Amino acid sequence: MAFKKRFTPRKKFCRFCANKNLPVDYKRADILKDFITDRGKIIARRITGTCAKCQRRLTVEIKRARQMALIYYTATHSTEFKKKMR
């Protein structure tokens, strides 16, 4: 009788607490895009692994970047999406 290996998920860690030099800033849209889906939703911390404190800061900075038009609100505002529609 063969025993199946149990699935053990990897321990998630906060990228911002692990690397103190990585700022959570609205001007760094390349970092913020890692925490947004292609539809424009903010990804939950249980999926990304960020701590609660950094997730709250991250949410505020994403909303600031959207307000400053550095990040799109939804996929329909994206130029890539408009090209696919043609």
Protein backbone atom coordinates (compact mmCIF):
# COMPACT_ATOMS: atom_id res chain seq x y z
CA MET A 1 0.00 0.00 0.00
CA ALA A 2 1.55 3.27 -1.13
CA PHE A 3 1.31 6.25 1.12
CA LYS A 4 0.51 9.59 -0.44
CA LYS A 5 2.64 12.54 0.48
CA ARG A 6 0.69 15.15 2.36
CA PHE A 7 0.65 18.59 0.79
CA THR A 8 2.42 21.07 3.04
CA PRO A 9 2.12 24.63 1.82
CA ARG A 10 5.14 26.88 1.97
CA LYS A 11 5.27 29.40 4.78
CA LYS A 12 4.21 32.77 3.41
CA PHE A 13 6.18 35.81 4.43
CA CYS A 14 5.76 39.54 4.13
CA ARG A 15 7.99 40.94 1.38
CA PHE A 16 8.08 44.34 3.03
CA CYS A 17 9.06 43.09 6.50
CA ALA A 18 11.69 40.73 5.06
CA ASN A 19 13.31 43.51 3.01
CA LYS A 20 13.26 46.79 4.93
CA ASN A 21 14.73 48.63 1.92
CA LEU A 22 11.64 47.85 -0.19
CA PRO A 23 9.34 50.84 0.28
CA VAL A 24 5.56 50.75 0.16
CA ASP A 25 5.07 53.87 -1.89
CA TYR A 26 2.46 54.96 -4.44
CA LYS A 27 5.24 56.08 -6.80
CA ARG A 28 6.52 52.49 -7.16
CA ALA A 29 3.74 51.23 -9.43
CA ASP A 30 5.85 48.25 -10.55
CA ILE A 31 5.79 46.87 -7.00
CA LEU A 32 2.11 47.68 -6.44
CA LYS A 33 1.05 45.85 -9.61
CA ASP A 34 2.17 42.56 -8.00
CA PHE A 35 -0.63 42.97 -5.46
CA ILE A 36 -3.42 43.72 -7.96
CA THR A 37 -5.28 41.26 -10.18
CA ASP A 38 -5.60 41.80 -13.92
CA ARG A 39 -9.14 43.02 -13.23
CA GLY A 40 -7.89 45.71 -10.85
CA LYS A 41 -8.82 44.15 -7.50
CA ILE A 42 -6.46 44.25 -4.53
CA ILE A 43 -5.31 40.72 -3.65
CA ALA A 44 -6.06 39.55 -0.09
CA ARG A 45 -3.25 39.17 2.42
CA ARG A 46 -3.98 35.49 2.98
CA ILE A 47 -3.00 34.93 -0.66
CA THR A 48 -0.05 37.33 -0.91
CA GLY A 49 1.34 36.60 2.55
CA THR A 50 1.79 40.20 3.65
CA CYS A 51 1.33 41.02 7.32
CA ALA A 52 -1.72 43.01 8.46
CA LYS A 53 0.21 46.23 9.04
CA CYS A 54 1.82 46.17 5.60
CA GLN A 55 -1.45 45.15 3.92
CA ARG A 56 -3.19 48.22 5.32
CA ARG A 57 -0.34 50.45 4.14
CA LEU A 58 -0.33 48.69 0.77
CA THR A 59 -4.06 49.26 0.30
CA VAL A 60 -3.73 52.98 1.00
CA GLU A 61 -0.81 53.31 -1.41
CA ILE A 62 -2.64 51.41 -4.17
CA LYS A 63 -5.60 53.73 -3.79
CA ARG A 64 -3.29 56.75 -3.94
CA ALA A 65 -1.62 55.42 -7.08
CA ARG A 66 -5.04 54.93 -8.67
CA GLN A 67 -6.01 58.49 -7.78
CA MET A 68 -2.79 59.79 -9.34
CA ALA A 69 -3.49 57.66 -12.47
CA LEU A 70 -0.36 55.55 -12.04
CA ILE A 71 -2.45 52.35 -11.84
CA TYR A 72 -5.71 51.57 -13.62
CA TYR A 73 -8.90 51.14 -11.61
CA THR A 74 -10.17 48.28 -13.81
CA ALA A 75 -9.08 46.25 -16.81
CA THR A 76 -11.43 48.17 -19.12
CA HIS A 77 -9.34 51.31 -18.63
CA SER A 78 -6.18 49.50 -19.73
CA THR A 79 -4.84 50.07 -23.23
CA GLU A 80 -4.09 46.34 -23.60
CA PHE A 81 -7.75 45.53 -22.99
CA LYS A 82 -8.90 48.07 -25.59
CA LYS A 83 -6.54 46.57 -28.17
CA LYS A 84 -8.06 43.12 -27.60
CA MET A 85 -11.57 44.49 -28.06
CA ARG A 86 -10.82 45.77 -31.59
